């Protein structure tokens, strides 16, 4: 048997699909901060971008 010091799992997109959690959370914040929500397709297209850029797109001046 081999001994390992480290095991790395590629969790998101391999073991779990967090897309629904991301879209739900993003829209929740948009509603709380700006009273708006957007189509999940628009959020999915932004996944991978920095969060401040994502929020700045829909809440100008509130990205930080």
PDB file of N, CA and C in Angstrom:
ATOM      1  N   UNK A   1       0.841  -1.177   0.000  1.00  0.00           N
ATOM      2  CA  UNK A   1       0.000   0.000   0.000  1.00  0.00           C
ATOM      3  C   UNK A   1       0.888   1.242   0.000  1.00  0.00           C
ATOM      4  N   UNK A   2       0.459   2.288  -0.735  1.00  0.00           N
ATOM      5  CA  UNK A   2       1.235   3.522  -0.833  1.00  0.00           C
ATOM      6  C   UNK A   2       0.771   4.513   0.221  1.00  0.00           C
ATOM      7  N   UNK A   3       1.705   5.262   0.780  1.00  0.00           N
ATOM      8  CA  UNK A   3       1.378   6.342   1.711  1.00  0.00           C
ATOM      9  C   UNK A   3       1.320   7.648   0.932  1.00  0.00           C
ATOM     10  N   UNK A   4       0.300   8.436   1.239  1.00  0.00           N
ATOM     11  CA  UNK A   4       0.135   9.730   0.581  1.00  0.00           C
ATOM     12  C   UNK A   4       0.219  10.833   1.626  1.00  0.00           C
ATOM     13  N   UNK A   5       0.892  11.918   1.278  1.00  0.00           N
ATOM     14  CA  UNK A   5       0.933  13.094   2.135  1.00  0.00           C
ATOM     15  C   UNK A   5      -0.203  14.050   1.812  1.00  0.00           C
ATOM     16  N   UNK A   6      -0.723  13.954   0.599  1.00  0.00           N
ATOM     17  CA  UNK A   6      -1.735  14.906   0.161  1.00  0.00           C
ATOM     18  C   UNK A   6      -2.620  14.268  -0.901  1.00  0.00           C
ATOM     19  N   UNK A   7      -3.910  14.500  -0.787  1.00  0.00           N
ATOM     20  CA  UNK A   7      -4.866  14.083  -1.808  1.00  0.00           C
ATOM     21  C   UNK A   7      -5.685  15.316  -2.167  1.00  0.00           C
ATOM     22  N   UNK A   8      -5.782  15.609  -3.456  1.00  0.00           N
ATOM     23  CA  UNK A   8      -6.520  16.780  -3.917  1.00  0.00           C
ATOM     24  C   UNK A   8      -7.705  16.304  -4.750  1.00  0.00           C
ATOM     25  N   UNK A   9      -8.890  16.858  -4.434  1.00  0.00           N
ATOM     26  CA  UNK A   9     -10.090  16.558  -5.199  1.00  0.00           C
ATOM     27  C   UNK A   9     -10.502  17.804  -5.962  1.00  0.00           C
ATOM     28  N   UNK A  10     -10.862  17.632  -7.215  1.00  0.00           N
ATOM     29  CA  UNK A  10     -11.450  18.710  -8.011  1.00  0.00           C
ATOM     30  C   UNK A  10     -12.946  18.645  -7.740  1.00  0.00           C
ATOM     31  N   UNK A  11     -13.380  19.401  -6.760  1.00  0.00           N
ATOM     32  CA  UNK A  11     -14.739  19.290  -6.259  1.00  0.00           C
ATOM     33  C   UNK A  11     -15.792  19.858  -7.213  1.00  0.00           C
ATOM     34  N   UNK A  12     -15.698  21.139  -7.510  1.00  0.00           N
ATOM     35  CA  UNK A  12     -16.761  21.803  -8.262  1.00  0.00           C
ATOM     36  C   UNK A  12     -16.744  21.381  -9.728  1.00  0.00           C
ATOM     37  N   UNK A  13     -17.868  20.885 -10.180  1.00  0.00           N
ATOM     38  CA  UNK A  13     -17.991  20.445 -11.559  1.00  0.00           C
ATOM     39  C   UNK A  13     -17.593  18.997 -11.775  1.00  0.00           C
ATOM     40  N   UNK A  14     -16.968  18.401 -10.771  1.00  0.00           N
ATOM     41  CA  UNK A  14     -16.571  16.999 -10.873  1.00  0.00           C
ATOM     42  C   UNK A  14     -17.369  16.165  -9.874  1.00  0.00           C
ATOM     43  N   UNK A  15     -17.235  16.502  -8.600  1.00  0.00           N
ATOM     44  CA  UNK A  15     -17.962  15.771  -7.565  1.00  0.00           C
ATOM     45  C   UNK A  15     -19.302  16.414  -7.225  1.00  0.00           C
ATOM     46  N   UNK A  16     -19.401  17.718  -7.390  1.00  0.00           N
ATOM     47  CA  UNK A  16     -20.646  18.447  -7.136  1.00  0.00           C
ATOM     48  C   UNK A  16     -20.848  19.508  -8.209  1.00  0.00           C
ATOM     49  N   UNK A  17     -22.093  19.827  -8.450  1.00  0.00           N
ATOM     50  CA  UNK A  17     -22.430  20.917  -9.362  1.00  0.00           C
ATOM     51  C   UNK A  17     -23.019  22.035  -8.511  1.00  0.00           C
ATOM     52  N   UNK A  18     -22.254  23.092  -8.319  1.00  0.00           N
ATOM     53  CA  UNK A  18     -22.674  24.185  -7.440  1.00  0.00           C
ATOM     54  C   UNK A  18     -23.394  25.312  -8.187  1.00  0.00           C
ATOM     55  N   UNK A  19     -23.729  25.094  -9.446  1.00  0.00           N
ATOM     56  CA  UNK A  19     -24.347  26.144 -10.258  1.00  0.00           C
ATOM     57  C   UNK A  19     -25.623  26.685  -9.613  1.00  0.00           C
ATOM     58  N   UNK A  20     -26.492  25.817  -9.138  1.00  0.00           N
ATOM     59  CA  UNK A  20     -27.737  26.272  -8.527  1.00  0.00           C
ATOM     60  C   UNK A  20     -27.473  27.087  -7.260  1.00  0.00           C
ATOM     61  N   UNK A  21     -26.525  26.650  -6.455  1.00  0.00           N
ATOM     62  CA  UNK A  21     -26.185  27.391  -5.237  1.00  0.00           C
ATOM     63  C   UNK A  21     -25.624  28.771  -5.585  1.00  0.00           C
ATOM     64  N   UNK A  22     -24.799  28.841  -6.619  1.00  0.00           N
ATOM     65  CA  UNK A  22     -24.215  30.118  -7.032  1.00  0.00           C
ATOM     66  C   UNK A  22     -25.305  31.068  -7.531  1.00  0.00           C
ATOM     67  N   UNK A  23     -26.184  30.581  -8.398  1.00  0.00           N
ATOM     68  CA  UNK A  23     -27.229  31.459  -8.935  1.00  0.00           C
ATOM     69  C   UNK A  23     -28.195  31.914  -7.844  1.00  0.00           C
ATOM     70  N   UNK A  24     -28.577  31.006  -6.957  1.00  0.00           N
ATOM     71  CA  UNK A  24     -29.476  31.377  -5.862  1.00  0.00           C
ATOM     72  C   UNK A  24     -28.844  32.414  -4.944  1.00  0.00           C
ATOM     73  N   UNK A  25     -27.582  32.213  -4.600  1.00  0.00           N
ATOM     74  CA  UNK A  25     -26.886  33.130  -3.702  1.00  0.00           C
ATOM     75  C   UNK A  25     -26.687  34.491  -4.350  1.00  0.00           C
ATOM     76  N   UNK A  26     -26.279  34.505  -5.614  1.00  0.00           N
ATOM     77  CA  UNK A  26     -26.053  35.769  -6.316  1.00  0.00           C
ATOM     78  C   UNK A  26     -27.348  36.574  -6.388  1.00  0.00           C
ATOM     79  N   UNK A  27     -28.441  35.933  -6.753  1.00  0.00           N
ATOM     80  CA  UNK A  27     -29.720  36.637  -6.818  1.00  0.00           C
ATOM     81  C   UNK A  27     -30.188  37.085  -5.441  1.00  0.00           C
ATOM     82  N   UNK A  28     -29.929  36.305  -4.417  1.00  0.00           N
ATOM     83  CA  UNK A  28     -30.294  36.703  -3.053  1.00  0.00           C
ATOM     84  C   UNK A  28     -29.592  38.014  -2.674  1.00  0.00           C
ATOM     85  N   UNK A  29     -28.309  38.091  -2.982  1.00  0.00           N
ATOM     86  CA  UNK A  29     -27.552  39.314  -2.676  1.00  0.00           C
ATOM     87  C   UNK A  29     -28.055  40.479  -3.517  1.00  0.00           C
ATOM     88  N   UNK A  30     -28.329  40.243  -4.799  1.00  0.00           N
ATOM     89  CA  UNK A  30     -28.859  41.318  -5.644  1.00  0.00           C
ATOM     90  C   UNK A  30     -30.173  41.857  -5.093  1.00  0.00           C
ATOM     91  N   UNK A  31     -31.041  40.978  -4.646  1.00  0.00           N
ATOM     92  CA  UNK A  31     -32.336  41.408  -4.094  1.00  0.00           C
ATOM     93  C   UNK A  31     -32.120  42.219  -2.825  1.00  0.00           C
ATOM     94  N   UNK A  32     -31.254  41.743  -1.938  1.00  0.00           N
ATOM     95  CA  UNK A  32     -31.014  42.443  -0.672  1.00  0.00           C
ATOM     96  C   UNK A  32     -30.327  43.791  -0.884  1.00  0.00           C
ATOM     97  N   UNK A  33     -29.389  43.852  -1.824  1.00  0.00           N
ATOM     98  CA  UNK A  33     -28.597  45.070  -2.004  1.00  0.00           C
ATOM     99  C   UNK A  33     -29.218  46.059  -2.982  1.00  0.00           C
ATOM    100  N   UNK A  34     -30.003  45.557  -3.938  1.00  0.00           N
ATOM    101  CA  UNK A  34     -30.504  46.475  -4.957  1.00  0.00           C
ATOM    102  C   UNK A  34     -31.941  46.276  -5.355  1.00  0.00           C
ATOM    103  N   UNK A  35     -32.606  45.277  -4.760  1.00  0.00           N
ATOM    104  CA  UNK A  35     -33.999  45.049  -5.069  1.00  0.00           C
ATOM    105  C   UNK A  35     -34.264  44.455  -6.442  1.00  0.00           C
ATOM    106  N   UNK A  36     -33.238  43.856  -7.041  1.00  0.00           N
ATOM    107  CA  UNK A  36     -33.405  43.255  -8.365  1.00  0.00           C
ATOM    108  C   UNK A  36     -32.967  41.799  -8.329  1.00  0.00           C
ATOM    109  N   UNK A  37     -33.416  41.045  -9.311  1.00  0.00           N
ATOM    110  CA  UNK A  37     -32.878  39.708  -9.552  1.00  0.00           C
ATOM    111  C   UNK A  37     -32.718  39.574 -11.057  1.00  0.00           C
ATOM    112  N   UNK A  38     -31.864  38.654 -11.475  1.00  0.00           N
ATOM    113  CA  UNK A  38     -31.613  38.485 -12.903  1.00  0.00           C
ATOM    114  C   UNK A  38     -31.783  37.016 -13.276  1.00  0.00           C
ATOM    115  N   UNK A  39     -31.854  36.782 -14.563  1.00  0.00           N
ATOM    116  CA  UNK A  39     -32.002  35.448 -15.108  1.00  0.00           C
ATOM    117  C   UNK A  39     -30.773  34.599 -14.757  1.00  0.00           C
ATOM    118  N   UNK A  40     -30.997  33.356 -14.356  1.00  0.00           N
ATOM    119  CA  UNK A  40     -29.892  32.467 -14.000  1.00  0.00           C
ATOM    120  C   UNK A  40     -28.885  32.307 -15.136  1.00  0.00           C
ATOM    121  N   UNK A  41     -29.361  32.351 -16.380  1.00  0.00           N
ATOM    122  CA  UNK A  41     -28.460  32.227 -17.535  1.00  0.00           C
ATOM    123  C   UNK A  41     -27.399  33.325 -17.513  1.00  0.00           C
ATOM    124  N   UNK A  42     -27.798  34.533 -17.151  1.00  0.00           N
ATOM    125  CA  UNK A  42     -26.849  35.655 -17.090  1.00  0.00           C
ATOM    126  C   UNK A  42     -25.794  35.413 -16.004  1.00  0.00           C
ATOM    127  N   UNK A  43     -26.214  34.840 -14.890  1.00  0.00           N
ATOM    128  CA  UNK A  43     -25.271  34.553 -13.801  1.00  0.00           C
ATOM    129  C   UNK A  43     -24.310  33.458 -14.224  1.00  0.00           C
ATOM    130  N   UNK A  44     -24.829  32.410 -14.822  1.00  0.00           N
ATOM    131  CA  UNK A  44     -23.996  31.278 -15.243  1.00  0.00           C
ATOM    132  C   UNK A  44     -22.916  31.743 -16.207  1.00  0.00           C
ATOM    133  N   UNK A  45     -23.251  32.677 -17.085  1.00  0.00           N
ATOM    134  CA  UNK A  45     -22.262  33.199 -18.038  1.00  0.00           C
ATOM    135  C   UNK A  45     -21.128  33.949 -17.343  1.00  0.00           C
ATOM    136  N   UNK A  46     -21.369  34.443 -16.130  1.00  0.00           N
ATOM    137  CA  UNK A  46     -20.344  35.204 -15.399  1.00  0.00           C
ATOM    138  C   UNK A  46     -19.534  34.352 -14.426  1.00  0.00           C
ATOM    139  N   UNK A  47     -19.927  33.107 -14.187  1.00  0.00           N
ATOM    140  CA  UNK A  47     -19.214  32.269 -13.223  1.00  0.00           C
ATOM    141  C   UNK A  47     -17.746  32.186 -13.623  1.00  0.00           C
ATOM    142  N   UNK A  48     -16.895  32.458 -12.663  1.00  0.00           N
ATOM    143  CA  UNK A  48     -15.450  32.481 -12.898  1.00  0.00           C
ATOM    144  C   UNK A  48     -14.881  33.886 -12.871  1.00  0.00           C
ATOM    145  N   UNK A  49     -15.753  34.879 -13.078  1.00  0.00           N
ATOM    146  CA  UNK A  49     -15.318  36.274 -12.986  1.00  0.00           C
ATOM    147  C   UNK A  49     -15.136  36.638 -11.516  1.00  0.00           C
ATOM    148  N   UNK A  50     -14.327  37.644 -11.219  1.00  0.00           N
ATOM    149  CA  UNK A  50     -14.253  38.138  -9.838  1.00  0.00           C
ATOM    150  C   UNK A  50     -15.628  38.635  -9.390  1.00  0.00           C
ATOM    151  N   UNK A  51     -15.986  38.354  -8.134  1.00  0.00           N
ATOM    152  CA  UNK A  51     -17.300  38.733  -7.622  1.00  0.00           C
ATOM    153  C   UNK A  51     -17.558  40.228  -7.705  1.00  0.00           C
ATOM    154  N   UNK A  52     -16.544  41.057  -7.431  1.00  0.00           N
ATOM    155  CA  UNK A  52     -16.786  42.495  -7.489  1.00  0.00           C
ATOM    156  C   UNK A  52     -17.171  42.922  -8.901  1.00  0.00           C
ATOM    157  N   UNK A  53     -16.595  42.290  -9.915  1.00  0.00           N
ATOM    158  CA  UNK A  53     -16.961  42.601 -11.301  1.00  0.00           C
ATOM    159  C   UNK A  53     -18.382  42.152 -11.605  1.00  0.00           C
ATOM    160  N   UNK A  54     -18.760  40.991 -11.088  1.00  0.00           N
ATOM    161  CA  UNK A  54     -20.113  40.485 -11.302  1.00  0.00           C
ATOM    162  C   UNK A  54     -21.140  41.430 -10.692  1.00  0.00           C
ATOM    163  N   UNK A  55     -20.900  41.841  -9.449  1.00  0.00           N
ATOM    164  CA  UNK A  55     -21.856  42.721  -8.780  1.00  0.00           C
ATOM    165  C   UNK A  55     -21.851  44.120  -9.385  1.00  0.00           C
ATOM    166  N   UNK A  56     -20.697  44.609  -9.801  1.00  0.00           N
ATOM    167  CA  UNK A  56     -20.608  45.936 -10.405  1.00  0.00           C
ATOM    168  C   UNK A  56     -21.459  46.015 -11.676  1.00  0.00           C
ATOM    169  N   UNK A  57     -21.558  44.913 -12.376  1.00  0.00           N
ATOM    170  CA  UNK A  57     -22.342  44.870 -13.609  1.00  0.00           C
ATOM    171  C   UNK A  57     -23.825  45.151 -13.350  1.00  0.00           C
ATOM    172  N   UNK A  58     -24.331  44.664 -12.230  1.00  0.00           N
ATOM    173  CA  UNK A  58     -25.765  44.802 -11.945  1.00  0.00           C
ATOM    174  C   UNK A  58     -26.075  45.787 -10.817  1.00  0.00           C
ATOM    175  N   UNK A  59     -25.080  46.126 -10.048  1.00  0.00           N
ATOM    176  CA  UNK A  59     -25.246  47.112  -8.968  1.00  0.00           C
ATOM    177  C   UNK A  59     -24.129  48.143  -9.082  1.00  0.00           C
ATOM    178  N   UNK A  60     -24.180  48.990 -10.109  1.00  0.00           N
ATOM    179  CA  UNK A  60     -23.097  49.968 -10.311  1.00  0.00           C
ATOM    180  C   UNK A  60     -22.828  50.769  -9.043  1.00  0.00           C
ATOM    181  N   UNK A  61     -21.551  50.866  -8.694  1.00  0.00           N
ATOM    182  CA  UNK A  61     -21.146  51.615  -7.510  1.00  0.00           C
ATOM    183  C   UNK A  61     -21.219  50.814  -6.233  1.00  0.00           C
ATOM    184  N   UNK A  62     -21.747  49.599  -6.302  1.00  0.00           N
ATOM    185  CA  UNK A  62     -21.852  48.765  -5.107  1.00  0.00           C
ATOM    186  C   UNK A  62     -21.032  47.479  -5.235  1.00  0.00           C
ATOM    187  N   UNK A  63     -20.172  47.396  -6.238  1.00  0.00           N
ATOM    188  CA  UNK A  63     -19.381  46.194  -6.493  1.00  0.00           C
ATOM    189  C   UNK A  63     -18.491  45.795  -5.336  1.00  0.00           C
ATOM    190  N   UNK A  64     -18.001  46.767  -4.605  1.00  0.00           N
ATOM    191  CA  UNK A  64     -17.128  46.471  -3.471  1.00  0.00           C
ATOM    192  C   UNK A  64     -17.952  45.930  -2.343  1.00  0.00           C
TER     193      UNK A  64
END
